[in-house]
Amino acid sequence: MPAPSPVLSVAAFGRRLGALLPRGVDQVAVAVSGGADSMALALLAHDWAAKRNIRVSAFTVDHGLRPESAAEARQVARWLKAAGMSCRILTWRGAKPAANRQDAAREARYGLLRDACARAGIRHLLLAHHREDQAETLLLRALRGSGVDGLAAMQAARALDMDFILLRPLLDVPKADLVATLRKRGQAWIEDPSNANPAFARVRVRQALDDLAGGDAGLRAELVAHLALTARNLSRARAALDSAALVLLQGMAHLDPVTGIARLDPAKLKAADDEIALRALARLLQAIGGDPLPPRLERLERLLAGLRGAKPEAATLHRCMLRPEKAGTQILVCREARHLPEAMTLTPDDRFLWDGRFEIAVPRSARGLTLAPLGRHRPDGVSTTIPAAAWPTLPAVWRNGTLLAVPGLGCGSLPPGLFVTFGKHW
């Protein structure tokens, strides 16, 4: 008979979270589905934070995919209220897709959580992914032919942007320990029937682990631990590759920190190893294009081949335009003038990331201001070395249809307290 699983103490949990949470943070959020893992996360976080004057806000999402989901969300809120926690229910409204429901639900969930955190001024969201989740993610990505990045699986800390950071303090904790923790506390949880539905690939991978262990719980735990260790080792390999790519990027590209355009030296790109060159190029495109996700590998490889040719080719990829200059000895990289944000009215005392590229800080005194891409407008009397191709993608500030300023071109003057700065760096 296997030994009982250990209980995860508040102190042990605190060491894991404390290693991820920057000093000075006074509030965090926790995503709670109602399952054993997220309930344990919420209660442990609450107990740990209470002694440190850190506020913990809980959010639970009602996806509306099952008739009982609304009642389950209310039950989660009641449980957390009994534990002394506030919990807000976020509802995914609107029509639900017939296909790829899990992917769509995940995207909707993160969108709702991100918006809720932004409204509450919370930058750090705790997620309850544990050791089994990590092992399953590794196997799923291996089956899809992923490279080092994919096989490194989930990261304990991941910044989606400057104001939204995901933390996974339970990533090396077995699920059995979390269940034991709840049982000791006498806390119930909700079992989601979709977690046993073989229609989903993750469930089939979970069942394959059961089959591989032949019903031996100890062997299964050992397999999961080894898979999670493999992901951790690959994560270190990814970090080393990323570090080398950053060194290459800093040496081969010059970024204008005001406009967010760059010029790169294709000769240095040619001399680099393929893997390092691809990573550096992807990071460049993410920064210039404002997309937090990297481009697809096959498209990135085609782009690299074109830039390494005897005559570098003009191209567009990942919301970026790449254009040879100076007889191909230099490549201009700037935001493509497509799929730019619509004009928006600025809200006083707001702060956000525009187009995934520019940090916008709006003073409390701001009234009647609009932010929009400069587009086809050409301010008179502007003297700048910025190529005309980049002008349409720059953020411009307007009042009642009159152009006030284009910070990247250095023309006009922003209202006092309004800041527009390029926020995506290497």
Protein backbone atom coordinates (compact mmCIF):
# COMPACT_ATOMS: atom_id res chain seq x y z
CA MET A 1 0.00 0.00 0.00
CA PRO A 2 1.54 3.35 -1.03
CA ALA A 3 2.50 5.82 1.69
CA PRO A 4 0.08 8.71 2.20
CA SER A 5 0.92 11.86 0.30
CA PRO A 6 2.49 14.67 2.32
CA VAL A 7 0.60 17.85 3.07
CA LEU A 8 2.00 21.04 1.57
CA SER A 9 2.58 23.45 4.44
CA VAL A 10 2.08 27.19 4.21
CA ALA A 11 5.80 27.69 4.86
CA ALA A 12 6.81 25.34 2.04
CA PHE A 13 4.34 27.03 -0.29
CA GLY A 14 5.66 30.43 0.73
CA ARG A 15 9.20 29.49 -0.20
CA ARG A 16 8.00 28.58 -3.69
CA LEU A 17 5.93 31.71 -4.18
CA GLY A 18 8.48 33.96 -2.50
CA ALA A 19 11.11 32.86 -5.02
CA LEU A 20 8.85 34.06 -7.86
CA LEU A 21 7.24 37.19 -6.43
CA PRO A 22 9.25 40.45 -6.61
CA ARG A 23 9.79 42.36 -3.41
CA GLY A 24 7.35 45.12 -2.66
CA VAL A 25 4.32 43.47 -4.28
CA ASP A 26 1.30 44.17 -2.08
CA GLN A 27 -1.45 42.39 -4.01
CA VAL A 28 -1.84 39.31 -6.19
CA ALA A 29 -4.70 37.46 -7.82
CA VAL A 30 -5.37 33.74 -7.95
CA ALA A 31 -7.37 31.88 -10.62
CA VAL A 32 -9.69 29.35 -8.97
CA SER A 33 -11.59 26.77 -10.99
CA GLY A 34 -12.84 24.94 -7.92
CA GLY A 35 -10.70 21.86 -8.54
CA ALA A 36 -8.43 20.50 -5.84
CA ASP A 37 -5.30 22.14 -7.22
CA SER A 38 -6.69 25.68 -7.49
CA MET A 39 -8.55 25.46 -4.18
CA ALA A 40 -5.32 24.43 -2.46
CA LEU A 41 -3.48 27.25 -4.21
CA ALA A 42 -6.03 29.85 -3.11
CA LEU A 43 -6.07 28.76 0.55
CA LEU A 44 -2.30 28.47 0.81
CA ALA A 45 -1.80 31.86 -0.86
CA HIS A 46 -4.33 33.46 1.47
CA ASP A 47 -2.70 32.05 4.61
CA TRP A 48 0.81 32.99 3.46
CA ALA A 49 -0.11 36.50 2.32
CA ALA A 50 -2.15 37.31 5.45
CA LYS A 51 1.06 37.40 7.53
CA ARG A 52 2.76 39.71 5.05
CA ASN A 53 0.06 42.29 4.49
CA ILE A 54 -0.38 41.15 0.90
CA ARG A 55 -3.90 41.21 -0.49
CA VAL A 56 -5.08 38.13 -2.41
CA SER A 57 -8.03 38.49 -4.80
CA ALA A 58 -9.65 35.37 -6.22
CA PHE A 59 -11.30 35.12 -9.63
CA THR A 60 -13.33 32.17 -10.87
CA VAL A 61 -14.56 31.88 -14.45
CA ASP A 62 -17.97 30.57 -15.43
CA HIS A 63 -17.46 29.38 -19.01
CA GLY A 64 -21.12 28.50 -19.45
CA LEU A 65 -20.24 25.25 -21.22
CA ARG A 66 -22.14 23.02 -18.77
CA PRO A 67 -25.56 23.61 -17.19
CA GLU A 68 -24.10 23.36 -13.68
CA SER A 69 -21.18 25.77 -14.27
CA ALA A 70 -22.91 28.85 -12.81
CA ALA A 71 -23.85 27.01 -9.62
CA GLU A 72 -20.30 25.67 -9.32
CA ALA A 73 -18.86 29.17 -9.64
CA ARG A 74 -21.17 30.38 -6.86
CA GLN A 75 -20.08 27.43 -4.71
CA VAL A 76 -16.43 28.34 -5.19
CA ALA A 77 -17.19 31.91 -4.15
CA ARG A 78 -18.96 30.66 -1.00
CA TRP A 79 -16.06 28.39 -0.05
CA LEU A 80 -13.55 31.19 -0.46
CA LYS A 81 -15.71 33.67 1.43
CA ALA A 82 -15.84 31.19 4.32
CA ALA A 83 -12.04 31.14 4.25
CA GLY A 84 -11.92 34.94 4.46
CA MET A 85 -11.27 35.61 0.77
CA SER A 86 -13.05 37.79 -1.72
CA CYS A 87 -13.94 36.07 -4.98
CA ARG A 88 -15.31 37.60 -8.14
CA ILE A 89 -17.13 35.48 -10.72
CA LEU A 90 -16.18 36.24 -14.34
CA THR A 91 -18.64 35.04 -16.97
CA TRP A 92 -17.79 34.10 -20.54
CA ARG A 93 -20.74 35.49 -22.46
CA GLY A 94 -21.77 35.17 -26.07
CA ALA A 95 -21.92 32.27 -28.50
CA LYS A 96 -19.62 29.33 -27.85
CA PRO A 97 -17.73 27.63 -30.69
CA ALA A 98 -18.73 24.12 -31.74
CA ALA A 99 -15.13 23.07 -32.44
CA ASN A 100 -11.91 23.52 -30.44
CA ARG A 101 -13.93 24.42 -27.38
CA GLN A 102 -11.14 23.85 -24.90
CA ASP A 103 -8.77 26.15 -26.77
CA ALA A 104 -11.45 28.81 -27.11
CA ALA A 105 -12.39 28.48 -23.43
CA ARG A 106 -8.75 28.85 -22.41
CA GLU A 107 -8.35 32.00 -24.52
CA ALA A 108 -11.57 33.43 -23.10
CA ARG A 109 -10.52 32.56 -19.54
CA TYR A 110 -7.16 34.29 -19.83
CA GLY A 111 -8.81 37.30 -21.45
CA LEU A 112 -11.31 37.63 -18.62
CA LEU A 113 -8.64 37.15 -15.97
CA ARG A 114 -6.33 39.63 -17.63
CA ASP A 115 -9.05 42.28 -17.83
CA ALA A 116 -10.11 41.70 -14.21
CA CYS A 117 -6.51 42.02 -13.01
CA ALA A 118 -6.01 45.19 -15.03
CA ARG A 119 -9.13 46.80 -13.56
CA ALA A 120 -7.97 45.91 -10.06
CA GLY A 121 -4.42 47.13 -10.66
CA ILE A 122 -2.99 43.63 -10.11
CA ARG A 123 0.09 42.57 -12.09
CA HIS A 124 0.64 39.01 -10.79
CA LEU A 125 -1.80 36.15 -11.34
CA LEU A 126 -1.21 32.83 -9.59
CA LEU A 127 -2.07 29.66 -11.51
CA ALA A 128 -2.38 26.16 -10.03
CA HIS A 129 -0.52 24.08 -12.62
CA HIS A 130 1.27 21.25 -10.83
CA ARG A 131 3.74 18.46 -11.60
CA GLU A 132 1.26 16.25 -13.50
CA ASP A 133 0.20 19.22 -15.64
CA GLN A 134 3.85 19.83 -16.50
CA ALA A 135 4.46 16.18 -17.45
CA GLU A 136 1.32 16.06 -19.61
CA THR A 137 2.27 19.31 -21.34
CA LEU A 138 5.70 17.91 -22.19
CA LEU A 139 4.16 14.77 -23.72
CA LEU A 140 1.54 16.71 -25.66
CA ARG A 141 4.18 18.98 -27.18
CA ALA A 142 6.48 16.06 -27.95
CA LEU A 143 3.65 14.45 -29.90
CA ARG A 144 3.34 17.66 -31.92
CA GLY A 145 7.03 17.65 -32.81
CA SER A 146 7.94 20.67 -30.67
CA GLY A 147 11.50 21.90 -30.32
CA VAL A 148 13.35 22.97 -27.19
CA ASP A 149 10.96 25.80 -26.37
CA GLY A 150 7.88 23.60 -26.52
CA LEU A 151 9.47 20.74 -24.61
CA ALA A 152 10.51 23.11 -21.85
CA ALA A 153 6.76 23.15 -21.19
CA MET A 154 5.34 25.67 -18.72
CA GLN A 155 7.45 28.24 -16.90
CA ALA A 156 7.15 29.07 -13.21
CA ALA A 157 7.04 32.77 -14.10
CA ARG A 158 5.98 34.19 -17.43
CA ALA A 159 5.41 37.84 -18.28
CA LEU A 160 2.75 38.23 -20.97
CA ASP A 161 3.42 41.97 -20.99
CA MET A 162 4.68 44.63 -18.62
CA ASP A 163 1.50 44.54 -16.55
CA PHE A 164 0.45 40.89 -16.56
CA ILE A 165 2.70 38.19 -15.13
CA LEU A 166 1.70 34.56 -14.61
CA LEU A 167 3.17 32.73 -11.62
CA ARG A 168 3.00 28.96 -11.10
CA PRO A 169 4.34 28.25 -7.60
CA LEU A 170 3.05 24.63 -7.60
CA LEU A 171 4.78 23.49 -10.78
CA ASP A 172 6.97 20.95 -8.97
CA VAL A 173 4.29 19.81 -6.50
CA PRO A 174 2.48 16.47 -7.08
CA LYS A 175 -1.28 16.74 -7.36
CA ALA A 176 -1.64 14.13 -4.60
CA ASP A 177 0.01 16.54 -2.15
CA LEU A 178 -2.57 19.21 -2.98
CA VAL A 179 -5.42 16.77 -2.48
CA ALA A 180 -3.93 15.73 0.87
CA THR A 181 -3.64 19.39 1.85
CA LEU A 182 -7.35 19.98 1.23
CA ARG A 183 -8.38 16.82 3.01
CA LYS A 184 -6.45 17.82 6.11
CA ARG A 185 -8.25 21.17 6.06
CA GLY A 186 -11.62 19.50 5.52
CA GLN A 187 -12.10 21.52 2.35
CA ALA A 188 -14.21 20.11 -0.47
CA TRP A 189 -13.58 20.73 -4.16
CA ILE A 190 -15.28 20.28 -7.54
CA GLU A 191 -14.49 17.51 -10.00
CA ASP A 192 -14.85 18.67 -13.60
CA PRO A 193 -16.21 15.77 -15.71
CA SER A 194 -14.27 17.04 -18.74
CA ASN A 195 -11.07 15.95 -16.97
CA ALA A 196 -12.09 12.34 -17.66
CA ASN A 197 -13.39 12.84 -21.20
CA PRO A 198 -11.14 10.96 -23.68
CA ALA A 199 -12.28 13.28 -26.45
CA PHE A 200 -9.56 15.64 -25.21
CA ALA A 201 -5.91 14.96 -26.04
CA ARG A 202 -4.70 15.83 -22.53
CA VAL A 203 -7.03 13.24 -21.02
CA ARG A 204 -5.75 10.60 -23.45
CA VAL A 205 -2.17 11.43 -22.48
CA ARG A 206 -3.15 11.11 -18.82
CA GLN A 207 -4.68 7.71 -19.49
CA ALA A 208 -1.58 6.64 -21.44
CA LEU A 209 0.52 7.39 -18.35
CA ASP A 210 -1.82 5.18 -16.33
CA ASP A 211 -1.42 2.38 -18.87
CA LEU A 212 2.34 2.75 -18.95
CA ALA A 213 2.52 2.45 -15.16
CA GLY A 214 0.31 -0.65 -15.28
CA GLY A 215 -1.79 0.47 -12.34
CA ASP A 216 1.25 0.99 -10.09
CA ALA A 217 0.71 4.39 -8.42
CA GLY A 218 4.32 4.59 -7.29
CA LEU A 219 5.65 3.92 -10.78
CA ARG A 220 3.26 6.47 -12.25
CA ALA A 221 4.46 9.12 -9.81
CA GLU A 222 8.04 8.29 -10.75
CA LEU A 223 7.29 8.63 -14.46
CA VAL A 224 5.62 11.99 -13.89
CA ALA A 225 8.56 13.21 -11.80
CA HIS A 226 11.04 12.22 -14.51
CA LEU A 227 9.01 13.94 -17.22
CA ALA A 228 8.78 17.11 -15.13
CA LEU A 229 12.54 16.95 -14.55
CA THR A 230 13.08 16.66 -18.31
CA ALA A 231 11.01 19.81 -18.83
CA ARG A 232 13.07 21.60 -16.19
CA ASN A 233 16.34 20.56 -17.86
CA LEU A 234 15.08 21.70 -21.24
CA SER A 235 14.02 24.98 -19.67
CA ARG A 236 17.65 25.58 -18.70
CA ALA A 237 18.73 24.77 -22.26
CA ARG A 238 16.18 27.23 -23.60
CA ALA A 239 17.46 29.93 -21.24
CA ALA A 240 21.01 29.39 -22.50
CA LEU A 241 19.91 29.60 -26.13
CA ASP A 242 17.88 32.73 -25.43
CA SER A 243 20.88 34.33 -23.73
CA ALA A 244 23.07 33.65 -26.76
CA ALA A 245 20.34 35.03 -29.05
CA LEU A 246 20.13 38.21 -26.99
CA VAL A 247 23.90 38.74 -27.31
CA LEU A 248 23.60 38.33 -31.09
CA LEU A 249 20.60 40.64 -31.29
CA GLN A 250 22.30 43.39 -29.31
CA GLY A 251 25.33 43.15 -31.59
CA MET A 252 23.54 43.00 -34.93
CA ALA A 253 20.58 45.37 -34.48
CA HIS A 254 20.15 48.97 -33.38
CA LEU A 255 16.74 49.82 -31.93
CA ASP A 256 15.44 53.38 -31.86
CA PRO A 257 13.88 53.54 -28.36
CA VAL A 258 11.54 56.37 -29.35
CA THR A 259 9.96 55.08 -32.56
CA GLY A 260 10.43 51.34 -32.11
CA ILE A 261 12.11 50.81 -35.48
CA ALA A 262 15.36 48.90 -35.89
CA ARG A 263 18.15 48.43 -38.36
CA LEU A 264 20.07 45.18 -38.45
CA ASP A 265 23.30 44.00 -39.98
CA PRO A 266 22.56 40.95 -42.17
CA ALA A 267 26.26 39.96 -42.23
CA LYS A 268 26.12 39.17 -38.52
CA LEU A 269 22.90 37.24 -39.07
CA LYS A 270 24.65 35.14 -41.73
CA ALA A 271 27.58 34.35 -39.45
CA ALA A 272 25.42 33.09 -36.56
CA ASP A 273 24.33 29.50 -35.93
CA ASP A 274 20.86 28.78 -37.29
CA GLU A 275 19.19 28.24 -33.91
CA ILE A 276 20.65 31.41 -32.40
CA ALA A 277 19.86 33.44 -35.53
CA LEU A 278 16.26 32.23 -35.57
CA ARG A 279 15.76 33.11 -31.91
CA ALA A 280 17.30 36.56 -32.32
CA LEU A 281 15.19 37.26 -35.39
CA ALA A 282 12.02 36.10 -33.62
CA ARG A 283 12.73 38.36 -30.65
CA LEU A 284 13.33 41.28 -32.98
CA LEU A 285 9.99 40.74 -34.75
CA GLN A 286 8.11 40.37 -31.47
CA ALA A 287 9.49 43.66 -30.20
CA ILE A 288 8.91 45.64 -33.41
CA GLY A 289 5.55 44.04 -34.24
CA GLY A 290 4.20 44.11 -30.70
CA ASP A 291 3.06 40.48 -30.75
CA PRO A 292 3.96 38.59 -27.54
CA LEU A 293 3.98 35.25 -29.36
CA PRO A 294 6.81 34.25 -31.70
CA PRO A 295 6.18 33.74 -35.43
CA ARG A 296 5.69 30.25 -36.82
CA LEU A 297 8.97 28.44 -37.24
CA GLU A 298 8.58 27.56 -40.92
CA ARG A 299 7.86 31.19 -41.82
CA LEU A 300 10.75 32.40 -39.70
CA GLU A 301 13.08 29.96 -41.45
CA ARG A 302 12.01 31.26 -44.86
CA LEU A 303 12.61 34.82 -43.72
CA LEU A 304 16.07 33.99 -42.39
CA ALA A 305 17.00 32.29 -45.69
CA GLY A 306 15.89 35.38 -47.62
CA LEU A 307 17.89 37.73 -45.40
CA ARG A 308 20.99 35.56 -45.71
CA GLY A 309 21.02 35.61 -49.49
CA ALA A 310 23.57 37.44 -51.61
CA LYS A 311 21.00 40.21 -51.95
CA PRO A 312 18.74 40.33 -48.85
CA GLU A 313 15.08 40.26 -49.85
CA ALA A 314 12.34 42.61 -48.70
CA ALA A 315 9.69 40.79 -46.69
CA THR A 316 6.82 41.12 -44.25
CA LEU A 317 6.24 38.83 -41.28
CA HIS A 318 4.63 39.00 -37.87
CA ARG A 319 3.26 42.53 -38.37
CA CYS A 320 6.74 43.72 -39.44
CA MET A 321 8.14 45.07 -42.68
CA LEU A 322 11.81 44.32 -43.50
CA ARG A 323 13.42 46.38 -46.23
CA PRO A 324 17.06 46.33 -47.42
CA GLU A 325 18.93 49.65 -47.29
CA LYS A 326 22.42 50.79 -48.32
CA ALA A 327 22.79 48.16 -51.05
CA GLY A 328 21.70 45.40 -48.72
CA THR A 329 24.26 46.08 -45.99
CA GLN A 330 21.49 47.16 -43.63
CA ILE A 331 17.91 46.02 -43.07
CA LEU A 332 15.20 48.38 -41.89
CA VAL A 333 12.67 46.67 -39.61
CA CYS A 334 9.50 48.56 -38.71
CA ARG A 335 5.86 47.94 -37.89
CA GLU A 336 3.76 47.05 -40.91
CA ALA A 337 1.00 49.57 -41.63
CA ARG A 338 -1.77 46.98 -41.36
CA HIS A 339 -4.01 45.78 -38.54
CA LEU A 340 -3.21 48.82 -36.43
CA PRO A 341 -5.50 49.79 -33.51
CA GLU A 342 -8.60 51.87 -34.16
CA ALA A 343 -8.76 55.42 -32.84
CA MET A 344 -9.54 55.44 -29.13
CA THR A 345 -10.54 58.04 -26.59
CA LEU A 346 -8.00 58.30 -23.79
CA THR A 347 -9.32 57.72 -20.29
CA PRO A 348 -7.91 60.00 -17.58
CA ASP A 349 -5.57 58.35 -15.07
CA ASP A 350 -5.09 55.27 -17.28
CA ARG A 351 -1.99 53.31 -18.25
CA PHE A 352 -1.82 50.68 -20.98
CA LEU A 353 0.22 49.18 -23.80
CA TRP A 354 -0.85 50.43 -27.23
CA ASP A 355 -0.47 48.05 -30.18
CA GLY A 356 1.71 45.85 -27.98
CA ARG A 357 4.53 48.40 -28.47
CA PHE A 358 4.03 51.75 -26.76
CA GLU A 359 3.40 52.42 -23.09
CA ILE A 360 0.75 55.10 -22.68
CA ALA A 361 0.37 56.96 -19.38
CA VAL A 362 -2.63 59.32 -19.29
CA PRO A 363 -2.75 62.03 -16.61
CA ARG A 364 -5.84 62.59 -14.50
CA SER A 365 -6.26 66.02 -16.05
CA ALA A 366 -6.48 64.71 -19.64
CA ARG A 367 -9.79 65.40 -21.33
CA GLY A 368 -10.98 65.08 -24.92
CA LEU A 369 -7.88 63.35 -26.22
CA THR A 370 -7.78 60.65 -28.90
CA LEU A 371 -4.98 58.25 -29.70
CA ALA A 372 -4.68 56.79 -33.20
CA PRO A 373 -2.03 55.72 -35.72
CA LEU A 374 -0.69 58.66 -37.69
CA GLY A 375 -1.74 56.92 -40.89
CA ARG A 376 -1.59 58.98 -44.07
CA HIS A 377 -1.35 62.31 -42.26
CA ARG A 378 1.93 64.12 -42.89
CA PRO A 379 2.74 66.90 -40.41
CA ASP A 380 4.28 69.97 -42.04
CA GLY A 381 7.81 71.08 -41.35
CA VAL A 382 9.03 67.81 -39.83
CA SER A 383 12.75 67.17 -40.11
CA THR A 384 13.60 63.59 -39.19
CA THR A 385 15.76 60.68 -40.26
CA ILE A 386 12.88 58.28 -39.63
CA PRO A 387 11.93 56.60 -42.94
CA ALA A 388 8.56 57.59 -44.31
CA ALA A 389 7.52 53.93 -44.37
CA ALA A 390 7.44 53.94 -40.57
CA TRP A 391 5.40 57.12 -40.13
CA PRO A 392 1.89 55.63 -40.55
CA THR A 393 2.42 53.21 -37.65
CA LEU A 394 3.42 55.81 -35.06
CA PRO A 395 0.95 56.74 -32.31
CA ALA A 396 -0.47 60.24 -32.70
CA VAL A 397 -2.43 62.31 -30.19
CA TRP A 398 -5.45 64.30 -31.36
CA ARG A 399 -7.99 66.69 -29.85
CA ASN A 400 -11.29 67.31 -31.65
CA GLY A 401 -9.82 66.14 -34.94
CA THR A 402 -6.73 68.33 -34.66
CA LEU A 403 -3.33 66.64 -34.54
CA LEU A 404 -1.51 67.67 -31.37
CA ALA A 405 1.66 65.60 -31.43
CA VAL A 406 3.48 62.63 -32.89
CA PRO A 407 6.08 61.76 -30.24
CA GLY A 408 8.13 59.55 -32.55
CA LEU A 409 8.56 62.38 -35.06
CA GLY A 410 9.27 64.97 -32.40
CA CYS A 411 6.54 67.24 -33.71
CA GLY A 412 3.90 69.04 -31.67
CA SER A 413 3.71 68.90 -27.89
CA LEU A 414 1.97 66.41 -25.65
CA PRO A 415 -0.37 67.68 -22.92
CA PRO A 416 1.39 67.87 -19.52
CA GLY A 417 1.67 64.49 -17.85
CA LEU A 418 0.88 62.44 -20.95
CA PHE A 419 3.65 59.98 -21.79
CA VAL A 420 4.06 57.87 -24.91
CA THR A 421 7.14 55.66 -24.80
CA PHE A 422 8.23 52.61 -26.72
CA GLY A 423 7.93 49.78 -24.23
CA LYS A 424 9.08 46.66 -26.09
CA HIS A 425 12.82 46.13 -25.83
CA TRP A 426 15.05 43.10 -26.23
